[in-house]
Each structure stands twice: as structure tokens, then as C-alpha cells.
Amino acid sequence: MPIPYIVRFISTRSGVGKTRIAGFLVKELKARGYKVGVVKHAVSSVSLEEKDSKRYIESGADIVVVSSSGLVVIYVRSHRDILENAVVYARTPVIVVEGFRESRLGDVIVVVSSSEELKTILDSKVKPLAVVVTGQISITSSVDLKVFREGELSELIELVEARILEHYLEQTPRTDCGMCGYSKCRELVEAYIRGRTYWCPVMSKGIKLVVDDVEIPLNPFVKSIINSTLQGLVSTLKGVSSTWSKITITISKD
């Protein structure tokens, strides 16, 4: 599976409009057909409102799944509070994150209400994709930044959408081979991020061919032949564990 596209909304403090602006992005992307997940960082602990779920957590269960019509909630114990762990549960092509200011994952959109707040963010070595300014203030910075005001959020959506497409195209072979059923890699990407198809079969895991440090795309038929042939040969050799997980073969002309 490809690496999902992640965009984080961060600020120096609460109350500057992160949730409102991130929510607007989610709404607009959903209107365009994207499959979107959200991860929100809660600085304080999350309360368990459903009393029976709380009892199971207190009993020591590692995972509690509460299923109802149209909605499922999952509680996980012993969760390490880092974004890398949280995004696993989103499982969507696009993940909008609120918070996790110290993370280095994904694109960053900074929401500020003053020049001082922006300076604090930039001093922490964050390199934002864009800055959204709330309130009637002027932003001055020596850094070349894409700055948007709340009335210009449609332009921000266009920027993020372009980044989503770029992010996924970089994970395709760009050969327009048609093995996925689409004539172009871009068409596959546009269908995948809307949940209409599976990911590129040429780039799927299992077999990877690298010639002189260049990865060569393989269609599913060739992958199947190489995979079955190698596994059959290797299984006949002494010293090969029946529980092996990876085979590496290097061939040189020398």
C-alpha cells in the first residue's frame, strides 16, 4: 500500500481557529470525493463517555471496540502518543491532523493570529506548506511563504489538492502501463484517493527488481512467475528455515 498523504494543522496556542480551518478542508475534500480521515491530538487525556467501555478498559482489556449502527469507536490501551502510531487507525488516502506540533510527518499548515506566533513556529525549524492568518493583522516574514486569509481558503484547498496528487504520483512507476485498468498513472491515483480502486499492482509489495540501483517496475504476471519460481527453488535448499520472511539475491556479470 502507498504511504498516505498527511497534512497537519498546527499553532502556538488553542483558540486561533485550527479546528475550524481544518474542518473546512475536510468538508471541501469530501465534497470532491476524497476519502479523508482525521487525527486530532488531545493534550489532556481522552474521557470515556460510554460507561461500559470504561469498565472494560479498567478491567485491563488491550482493545475495546464499540460498534453501533453507522459508527464504530475503538479504544486502545498502552498507546504511545505520537502521530506515527495514531495515523495507523485512520486508514484513508488523505489524513488531516490537528496538532502534533513536534512531529515531522506530512505537510504543515500553520494557523496564526500574530506575527509573533508565526516567528515562534519558524524558529522551531518548521517548514510550512502554507500559513493561514486569522484576525485583522499583517504578517511580515523574511521567509518566502504562501499566506492565506480565511476568505482565501478556496485557494488553500487547491494547493492541498495539488500536493495530494503529487504525493501519490511519486509513488507510481509513471509508465502508464495500463496494468491497473487505467490508461494513465494519474487516472489510477485520482480513483484511488476517492476509494474507487486498489493501489498500483506494479508497485505492490512482494517482488522488487533493482538493476544498478534503479528499481524496474514489474507487472503482476512477471511478479507471480519470479515469486513462485524462487520460492520453489529456495525451499529445496538445506539450511533454509520454513519460516523465512525475506529472500535477497544479487547477480553480477563479474
C-alpha atoms as a PDB file:
ATOM      1  CA  MET A   1       0.000   0.000   0.000  1.00  0.00           C
ATOM      2  CA  PRO A   2       1.209   3.544  -0.650  1.00  0.00           C
ATOM      3  CA  ILE A   3       2.168   5.993   2.090  1.00  0.00           C
ATOM      4  CA  PRO A   4      -0.919   8.104   2.880  1.00  0.00           C
ATOM      5  CA  TYR A   5      -0.909  11.852   2.353  1.00  0.00           C
ATOM      6  CA  ILE A   6      -0.816  13.704   5.676  1.00  0.00           C
ATOM      7  CA  VAL A   7      -1.414  17.412   6.259  1.00  0.00           C
ATOM      8  CA  ARG A   8      -1.023  18.831   9.768  1.00  0.00           C
ATOM      9  CA  PHE A   9      -2.601  21.994  11.156  1.00  0.00           C
ATOM     10  CA  ILE A  10      -0.513  23.464  13.949  1.00  0.00           C
ATOM     11  CA  SER A  11      -0.379  26.656  16.018  1.00  0.00           C
ATOM     12  CA  THR A  12       1.328  28.011  19.108  1.00  0.00           C
ATOM     13  CA  ARG A  13      -1.873  28.012  21.161  1.00  0.00           C
ATOM     14  CA  SER A  14      -5.502  26.973  21.163  1.00  0.00           C
ATOM     15  CA  GLY A  15      -8.318  29.282  20.091  1.00  0.00           C
ATOM     16  CA  VAL A  16      -6.796  30.545  16.835  1.00  0.00           C
ATOM     17  CA  GLY A  17      -9.094  28.557  14.527  1.00  0.00           C
ATOM     18  CA  LYS A  18      -7.243  25.304  13.739  1.00  0.00           C
ATOM     19  CA  THR A  19     -10.339  23.142  14.098  1.00  0.00           C
ATOM     20  CA  ARG A  20     -12.477  25.494  12.033  1.00  0.00           C
ATOM     21  CA  ILE A  21      -9.998  25.718   9.184  1.00  0.00           C
ATOM     22  CA  ALA A  22      -9.059  22.017   9.216  1.00  0.00           C
ATOM     23  CA  GLY A  23     -12.770  21.189   9.279  1.00  0.00           C
ATOM     24  CA  PHE A  24     -13.325  23.380   6.230  1.00  0.00           C
ATOM     25  CA  LEU A  25     -10.562  21.485   4.393  1.00  0.00           C
ATOM     26  CA  VAL A  26     -12.140  18.134   5.306  1.00  0.00           C
ATOM     27  CA  LYS A  27     -15.568  19.295   4.148  1.00  0.00           C
ATOM     28  CA  GLU A  28     -14.249  20.558   0.804  1.00  0.00           C
ATOM     29  CA  LEU A  29     -12.144  17.457   0.114  1.00  0.00           C
ATOM     30  CA  LYS A  30     -15.116  15.227   0.935  1.00  0.00           C
ATOM     31  CA  ALA A  31     -17.253  17.279  -1.461  1.00  0.00           C
ATOM     32  CA  ARG A  32     -14.696  16.452  -4.162  1.00  0.00           C
ATOM     33  CA  GLY A  33     -14.975  12.752  -3.409  1.00  0.00           C
ATOM     34  CA  TYR A  34     -11.794  12.181  -1.406  1.00  0.00           C
ATOM     35  CA  LYS A  35     -11.559   9.536   1.311  1.00  0.00           C
ATOM     36  CA  VAL A  36     -10.454  11.586   4.330  1.00  0.00           C
ATOM     37  CA  GLY A  37      -9.514  10.612   7.878  1.00  0.00           C
ATOM     38  CA  VAL A  38      -8.866  12.950  10.811  1.00  0.00           C
ATOM     39  CA  VAL A  39      -6.451  12.653  13.723  1.00  0.00           C
ATOM     40  CA  LYS A  40      -6.848  15.221  16.496  1.00  0.00           C
ATOM     41  CA  HIS A  41      -4.265  15.479  19.259  1.00  0.00           C
ATOM     42  CA  ALA A  42      -5.777  15.777  22.718  1.00  0.00           C
ATOM     43  CA  VAL A  43      -3.222  17.358  25.045  1.00  0.00           C
ATOM     44  CA  SER A  44      -5.156  16.170  28.080  1.00  0.00           C
ATOM     45  CA  SER A  45      -6.431  12.602  28.415  1.00  0.00           C
ATOM     46  CA  VAL A  46      -9.466  11.476  26.432  1.00  0.00           C
ATOM     47  CA  SER A  47     -12.555  10.853  28.545  1.00  0.00           C
ATOM     48  CA  LEU A  48     -14.605   7.684  28.143  1.00  0.00           C
ATOM     49  CA  GLU A  49     -18.211   8.818  27.833  1.00  0.00           C
ATOM     50  CA  GLU A  50     -19.668   5.334  27.251  1.00  0.00           C
ATOM     51  CA  LYS A  51     -19.689   3.789  30.754  1.00  0.00           C
ATOM     52  CA  ASP A  52     -19.498   0.126  29.709  1.00  0.00           C
ATOM     53  CA  SER A  53     -16.452   0.848  27.556  1.00  0.00           C
ATOM     54  CA  LYS A  54     -14.754   2.436  30.557  1.00  0.00           C
ATOM     55  CA  ARG A  55     -15.398  -0.697  32.611  1.00  0.00           C
ATOM     56  CA  TYR A  56     -13.689  -2.887  30.011  1.00  0.00           C
ATOM     57  CA  ILE A  57     -10.688  -0.555  29.824  1.00  0.00           C
ATOM     58  CA  GLU A  58     -10.417  -0.545  33.610  1.00  0.00           C
ATOM     59  CA  SER A  59     -10.614  -4.351  33.532  1.00  0.00           C
ATOM     60  CA  GLY A  60      -7.370  -4.365  31.545  1.00  0.00           C
ATOM     61  CA  ALA A  61      -8.568  -5.076  28.003  1.00  0.00           C
ATOM     62  CA  ASP A  62      -5.978  -4.070  25.395  1.00  0.00           C
ATOM     63  CA  ILE A  63      -8.560  -3.038  22.793  1.00  0.00           C
ATOM     64  CA  VAL A  64     -12.254  -2.200  23.181  1.00  0.00           C
ATOM     65  CA  VAL A  65     -14.405  -1.839  20.056  1.00  0.00           C
ATOM     66  CA  VAL A  66     -17.821  -0.203  20.453  1.00  0.00           C
ATOM     67  CA  SER A  67     -19.955  -0.894  17.387  1.00  0.00           C
ATOM     68  CA  SER A  68     -23.269   0.784  16.593  1.00  0.00           C
ATOM     69  CA  SER A  69     -25.317   1.488  13.501  1.00  0.00           C
ATOM     70  CA  GLY A  70     -23.228   3.713  11.270  1.00  0.00           C
ATOM     71  CA  LEU A  71     -20.403   4.315  13.780  1.00  0.00           C
ATOM     72  CA  VAL A  72     -17.641   2.331  15.468  1.00  0.00           C
ATOM     73  CA  VAL A  73     -15.335   3.612  18.225  1.00  0.00           C
ATOM     74  CA  ILE A  74     -12.042   1.903  19.104  1.00  0.00           C
ATOM     75  CA  TYR A  75     -10.237   2.344  22.432  1.00  0.00           C
ATOM     76  CA  VAL A  76      -6.628   1.143  22.614  1.00  0.00           C
ATOM     77  CA  ARG A  77      -4.664   0.851  25.855  1.00  0.00           C
ATOM     78  CA  SER A  78      -0.917   1.481  26.217  1.00  0.00           C
ATOM     79  CA  HIS A  79      -0.951   3.851  23.267  1.00  0.00           C
ATOM     80  CA  ARG A  80       2.249   5.822  22.725  1.00  0.00           C
ATOM     81  CA  ASP A  81       1.173   9.392  21.983  1.00  0.00           C
ATOM     82  CA  ILE A  82       2.997  10.024  18.706  1.00  0.00           C
ATOM     83  CA  LEU A  83       1.495  10.748  15.303  1.00  0.00           C
ATOM     84  CA  GLU A  84       3.126   7.708  13.691  1.00  0.00           C
ATOM     85  CA  ASN A  85       1.013   5.477  15.946  1.00  0.00           C
ATOM     86  CA  ALA A  86      -2.198   7.483  15.640  1.00  0.00           C
ATOM     87  CA  VAL A  87      -2.381   7.638  11.825  1.00  0.00           C
ATOM     88  CA  VAL A  88      -2.409   3.832  11.651  1.00  0.00           C
ATOM     89  CA  TYR A  89      -6.055   3.891  12.714  1.00  0.00           C
ATOM     90  CA  ALA A  90      -7.149   6.394  10.061  1.00  0.00           C
ATOM     91  CA  ARG A  91      -6.540   4.070   7.095  1.00  0.00           C
ATOM     92  CA  THR A  92      -7.610   6.597   4.467  1.00  0.00           C
ATOM     93  CA  PRO A  93      -5.663   8.009   1.492  1.00  0.00           C
ATOM     94  CA  VAL A  94      -5.847  11.533   2.961  1.00  0.00           C
ATOM     95  CA  ILE A  95      -5.313  12.213   6.675  1.00  0.00           C
ATOM     96  CA  VAL A  96      -5.937  15.654   8.166  1.00  0.00           C
ATOM     97  CA  VAL A  97      -4.197  16.130  11.505  1.00  0.00           C
ATOM     98  CA  GLU A  98      -4.828  18.768  14.130  1.00  0.00           C
ATOM     99  CA  GLY A  99      -1.885  19.232  16.461  1.00  0.00           C
ATOM    100  CA  PHE A 100       1.237  17.081  16.952  1.00  0.00           C
ATOM    101  CA  ARG A 101       3.379  20.177  16.528  1.00  0.00           C
ATOM    102  CA  GLU A 102       6.611  18.299  17.240  1.00  0.00           C
ATOM    103  CA  SER A 103       6.006  15.677  14.534  1.00  0.00           C
ATOM    104  CA  ARG A 104       7.822  15.748  11.211  1.00  0.00           C
ATOM    105  CA  LEU A 105       5.225  13.821   9.205  1.00  0.00           C
ATOM    106  CA  GLY A 106       3.437  15.289   6.212  1.00  0.00           C
ATOM    107  CA  ASP A 107       2.814  18.806   5.010  1.00  0.00           C
ATOM    108  CA  VAL A 108       2.274  21.543   7.599  1.00  0.00           C
ATOM    109  CA  ILE A 109      -0.255  24.359   7.580  1.00  0.00           C
ATOM    110  CA  VAL A 110       0.350  26.935  10.303  1.00  0.00           C
ATOM    111  CA  VAL A 111      -2.578  28.859  11.760  1.00  0.00           C
ATOM    112  CA  VAL A 112      -1.589  32.127  13.455  1.00  0.00           C
ATOM    113  CA  SER A 113      -3.179  35.339  14.691  1.00  0.00           C
ATOM    114  CA  SER A 114       0.011  37.406  15.038  1.00  0.00           C
ATOM    115  CA  SER A 115       3.495  37.835  13.591  1.00  0.00           C
ATOM    116  CA  GLU A 116       4.954  36.756  16.917  1.00  0.00           C
ATOM    117  CA  GLU A 117       3.160  33.409  16.717  1.00  0.00           C
ATOM    118  CA  LEU A 118       4.499  32.810  13.210  1.00  0.00           C
ATOM    119  CA  LYS A 119       8.042  33.696  14.327  1.00  0.00           C
ATOM    120  CA  THR A 120       7.786  31.178  17.169  1.00  0.00           C
ATOM    121  CA  ILE A 121       6.770  28.455  14.708  1.00  0.00           C
ATOM    122  CA  LEU A 122       9.501  29.295  12.205  1.00  0.00           C
ATOM    123  CA  ASP A 123      12.138  29.473  14.950  1.00  0.00           C
ATOM    124  CA  SER A 124      11.326  25.843  15.763  1.00  0.00           C
ATOM    125  CA  LYS A 125      12.575  24.923  12.253  1.00  0.00           C
ATOM    126  CA  VAL A 126       9.116  24.063  10.911  1.00  0.00           C
ATOM    127  CA  LYS A 127       8.870  24.490   7.140  1.00  0.00           C
ATOM    128  CA  PRO A 128       5.169  25.092   6.430  1.00  0.00           C
ATOM    129  CA  LEU A 129       3.385  24.391   3.185  1.00  0.00           C
ATOM    130  CA  ALA A 130       1.228  27.434   3.932  1.00  0.00           C
ATOM    131  CA  VAL A 131       0.208  29.893   6.626  1.00  0.00           C
ATOM    132  CA  VAL A 132      -3.402  30.788   7.421  1.00  0.00           C
ATOM    133  CA  VAL A 133      -3.884  34.130   9.146  1.00  0.00           C
ATOM    134  CA  THR A 134      -6.907  34.668  11.377  1.00  0.00           C
ATOM    135  CA  GLY A 135      -7.865  38.131  12.510  1.00  0.00           C
ATOM    136  CA  GLN A 136      -7.142  41.549  11.046  1.00  0.00           C
ATOM    137  CA  ILE A 137      -3.353  41.560  11.280  1.00  0.00           C
ATOM    138  CA  SER A 138      -0.450  41.885   8.883  1.00  0.00           C
ATOM    139  CA  ILE A 139       2.176  39.185   8.622  1.00  0.00           C
ATOM    140  CA  THR A 140       5.762  40.072   7.860  1.00  0.00           C
ATOM    141  CA  SER A 141       8.429  37.419   7.399  1.00  0.00           C
ATOM    142  CA  SER A 142      11.791  37.191   5.679  1.00  0.00           C
ATOM    143  CA  VAL A 143      10.848  33.672   4.587  1.00  0.00           C
ATOM    144  CA  ASP A 144       9.011  33.135   1.297  1.00  0.00           C
ATOM    145  CA  LEU A 145       5.656  31.747   2.447  1.00  0.00           C
ATOM    146  CA  LYS A 146       2.263  31.063   0.931  1.00  0.00           C
ATOM    147  CA  VAL A 147      -0.031  33.127   3.173  1.00  0.00           C
ATOM    148  CA  PHE A 148      -3.825  32.845   3.098  1.00  0.00           C
ATOM    149  CA  ARG A 149      -6.551  34.661   4.963  1.00  0.00           C
ATOM    150  CA  GLU A 150      -9.811  32.980   5.945  1.00  0.00           C
ATOM    151  CA  GLY A 151     -11.538  34.459   2.924  1.00  0.00           C
ATOM    152  CA  GLU A 152      -8.987  32.799   0.637  1.00  0.00           C
ATOM    153  CA  LEU A 153      -9.364  29.215   1.825  1.00  0.00           C
ATOM    154  CA  SER A 154     -10.556  28.012  -1.587  1.00  0.00           C
ATOM    155  CA  GLU A 155      -7.025  28.720  -2.831  1.00  0.00           C
ATOM    156  CA  LEU A 156      -5.641  26.732   0.078  1.00  0.00           C
ATOM    157  CA  ILE A 157      -7.811  23.774  -0.962  1.00  0.00           C
ATOM    158  CA  GLU A 158      -6.374  23.939  -4.476  1.00  0.00           C
ATOM    159  CA  LEU A 159      -2.844  23.905  -3.062  1.00  0.00           C
ATOM    160  CA  VAL A 160      -3.538  20.881  -0.853  1.00  0.00           C
ATOM    161  CA  GLU A 161      -5.275  19.013  -3.667  1.00  0.00           C
ATOM    162  CA  ALA A 162      -2.255  19.539  -5.920  1.00  0.00           C
ATOM    163  CA  ARG A 163       0.014  18.217  -3.155  1.00  0.00           C
ATOM    164  CA  ILE A 164      -2.171  15.112  -2.729  1.00  0.00           C
ATOM    165  CA  LEU A 165      -1.896  14.254  -6.425  1.00  0.00           C
ATOM    166  CA  GLU A 166       1.845  14.927  -6.446  1.00  0.00           C
ATOM    167  CA  HIS A 167       2.349  12.784  -3.331  1.00  0.00           C
ATOM    168  CA  TYR A 168       0.667   9.750  -4.890  1.00  0.00           C
ATOM    169  CA  LEU A 169       2.075  10.170  -8.391  1.00  0.00           C
ATOM    170  CA  GLU A 170       5.559   9.999  -6.869  1.00  0.00           C
ATOM    171  CA  GLN A 171       4.658   6.505  -5.633  1.00  0.00           C
ATOM    172  CA  THR A 172       3.666   5.188  -9.071  1.00  0.00           C
ATOM    173  CA  PRO A 173       6.060   3.954 -11.796  1.00  0.00           C
ATOM    174  CA  ARG A 174       4.787   6.768 -14.097  1.00  0.00           C
ATOM    175  CA  THR A 175       4.944   4.350 -17.035  1.00  0.00           C
ATOM    176  CA  ASP A 176       1.204   4.474 -17.884  1.00  0.00           C
ATOM    177  CA  CYS A 177       1.429   0.713 -18.462  1.00  0.00           C
ATOM    178  CA  GLY A 178      -2.305   0.099 -18.002  1.00  0.00           C
ATOM    179  CA  MET A 179      -1.860  -2.971 -15.766  1.00  0.00           C
ATOM    180  CA  CYS A 180      -4.173  -1.363 -13.192  1.00  0.00           C
ATOM    181  CA  GLY A 181      -7.004  -0.990 -15.689  1.00  0.00           C
ATOM    182  CA  TYR A 182      -6.457   2.745 -16.171  1.00  0.00           C
ATOM    183  CA  SER A 183      -4.662   4.212 -19.180  1.00  0.00           C
ATOM    184  CA  LYS A 184      -2.569   6.626 -17.104  1.00  0.00           C
ATOM    185  CA  CYS A 185      -0.997   6.564 -13.628  1.00  0.00           C
ATOM    186  CA  ARG A 186      -2.718   9.849 -12.845  1.00  0.00           C
ATOM    187  CA  GLU A 187      -6.122   8.285 -13.519  1.00  0.00           C
ATOM    188  CA  LEU A 188      -5.296   5.466 -11.093  1.00  0.00           C
ATOM    189  CA  VAL A 189      -4.256   7.986  -8.436  1.00  0.00           C
ATOM    190  CA  GLU A 190      -7.438  10.019  -8.855  1.00  0.00           C
ATOM    191  CA  ALA A 191      -9.531   6.850  -8.462  1.00  0.00           C
ATOM    192  CA  TYR A 192      -7.526   5.526  -5.503  1.00  0.00           C
ATOM    193  CA  ILE A 193      -7.764   8.679  -3.383  1.00  0.00           C
ATOM    194  CA  ARG A 194     -11.530   8.561  -3.881  1.00  0.00           C
ATOM    195  CA  GLY A 195     -11.752   4.930  -2.773  1.00  0.00           C
ATOM    196  CA  ARG A 196     -12.765   3.582  -6.173  1.00  0.00           C
ATOM    197  CA  THR A 197      -9.894   1.147  -6.759  1.00  0.00           C
ATOM    198  CA  TYR A 198      -6.927  -0.654  -5.232  1.00  0.00           C
ATOM    199  CA  TRP A 199      -3.369   0.617  -5.446  1.00  0.00           C
ATOM    200  CA  CYS A 200      -0.975   0.096  -8.355  1.00  0.00           C
ATOM    201  CA  PRO A 201      -0.342  -3.661  -8.849  1.00  0.00           C
ATOM    202  CA  VAL A 202       3.095  -2.938 -10.318  1.00  0.00           C
ATOM    203  CA  MET A 203       4.217  -1.166  -7.124  1.00  0.00           C
ATOM    204  CA  SER A 204       2.661  -3.655  -4.703  1.00  0.00           C
ATOM    205  CA  LYS A 205       4.976  -5.385  -2.274  1.00  0.00           C
ATOM    206  CA  GLY A 206       6.320  -8.895  -2.738  1.00  0.00           C
ATOM    207  CA  ILE A 207       8.906  -8.787  -5.517  1.00  0.00           C
ATOM    208  CA  LYS A 208      11.248  -5.894  -6.279  1.00  0.00           C
ATOM    209  CA  LEU A 209      13.768  -5.864  -9.116  1.00  0.00           C
ATOM    210  CA  VAL A 210      16.682  -3.402  -8.826  1.00  0.00           C
ATOM    211  CA  VAL A 211      19.248  -3.170 -11.621  1.00  0.00           C
ATOM    212  CA  ASP A 212      22.277  -0.958 -10.954  1.00  0.00           C
ATOM    213  CA  ASP A 213      20.377   0.832  -8.136  1.00  0.00           C
ATOM    214  CA  VAL A 214      17.374   1.545 -10.390  1.00  0.00           C
ATOM    215  CA  GLU A 215      14.083  -0.135  -9.467  1.00  0.00           C
ATOM    216  CA  ILE A 216      12.449  -1.737 -12.511  1.00  0.00           C
ATOM    217  CA  PRO A 217       8.617  -1.875 -12.495  1.00  0.00           C
ATOM    218  CA  LEU A 218       7.221  -5.400 -12.846  1.00  0.00           C
ATOM    219  CA  ASN A 219       3.719  -6.273 -13.959  1.00  0.00           C
ATOM    220  CA  PRO A 220       1.706  -8.709 -11.791  1.00  0.00           C
ATOM    221  CA  PHE A 221       2.265 -11.686 -14.158  1.00  0.00           C
ATOM    222  CA  VAL A 222       6.074 -11.347 -14.081  1.00  0.00           C
ATOM    223  CA  LYS A 223       5.969 -10.880 -10.304  1.00  0.00           C
ATOM    224  CA  SER A 224       3.975 -14.075  -9.942  1.00  0.00           C
ATOM    225  CA  ILE A 225       6.410 -16.084 -12.101  1.00  0.00           C
ATOM    226  CA  ILE A 226       9.503 -14.809 -10.272  1.00  0.00           C
ATOM    227  CA  ASN A 227       7.893 -15.279  -6.865  1.00  0.00           C
ATOM    228  CA  SER A 228       6.742 -18.869  -7.422  1.00  0.00           C
ATOM    229  CA  THR A 229       9.992 -19.915  -9.147  1.00  0.00           C
ATOM    230  CA  LEU A 230      12.292 -18.515  -6.452  1.00  0.00           C
ATOM    231  CA  GLN A 231      10.214 -19.860  -3.581  1.00  0.00           C
ATOM    232  CA  GLY A 232      10.180 -23.300  -5.197  1.00  0.00           C
ATOM    233  CA  LEU A 233      13.957 -23.324  -5.698  1.00  0.00           C
ATOM    234  CA  VAL A 234      14.807 -21.943  -2.260  1.00  0.00           C
ATOM    235  CA  SER A 235      12.530 -24.421  -0.471  1.00  0.00           C
ATOM    236  CA  THR A 236      14.675 -27.310  -1.775  1.00  0.00           C
ATOM    237  CA  LEU A 237      17.896 -25.958  -0.257  1.00  0.00           C
ATOM    238  CA  LYS A 238      19.312 -27.169   3.031  1.00  0.00           C
ATOM    239  CA  GLY A 239      19.603 -24.611   5.813  1.00  0.00           C
ATOM    240  CA  VAL A 240      16.595 -22.549   4.700  1.00  0.00           C
ATOM    241  CA  SER A 241      14.112 -22.063   7.514  1.00  0.00           C
ATOM    242  CA  SER A 242      10.483 -22.859   6.753  1.00  0.00           C
ATOM    243  CA  THR A 243       9.573 -19.580   8.480  1.00  0.00           C
ATOM    244  CA  TRP A 244      11.735 -17.293   6.306  1.00  0.00           C
ATOM    245  CA  SER A 245      10.344 -13.799   5.649  1.00  0.00           C
ATOM    246  CA  LYS A 246      12.655 -12.306   3.002  1.00  0.00           C
ATOM    247  CA  ILE A 247      14.929 -13.567   0.211  1.00  0.00           C
ATOM    248  CA  THR A 248      17.685 -11.400  -1.258  1.00  0.00           C
ATOM    249  CA  ILE A 249      19.566 -12.486  -4.411  1.00  0.00           C
ATOM    250  CA  THR A 250      22.354 -10.445  -6.002  1.00  0.00           C
ATOM    251  CA  ILE A 251      23.510 -11.240  -9.550  1.00  0.00           C
ATOM    252  CA  SER A 252      26.543  -9.601 -11.171  1.00  0.00           C
ATOM    253  CA  LYS A 253      28.287 -10.095 -14.507  1.00  0.00           C
ATOM    254  CA  ASP A 254      31.687 -10.440 -12.831  1.00  0.00           C
END
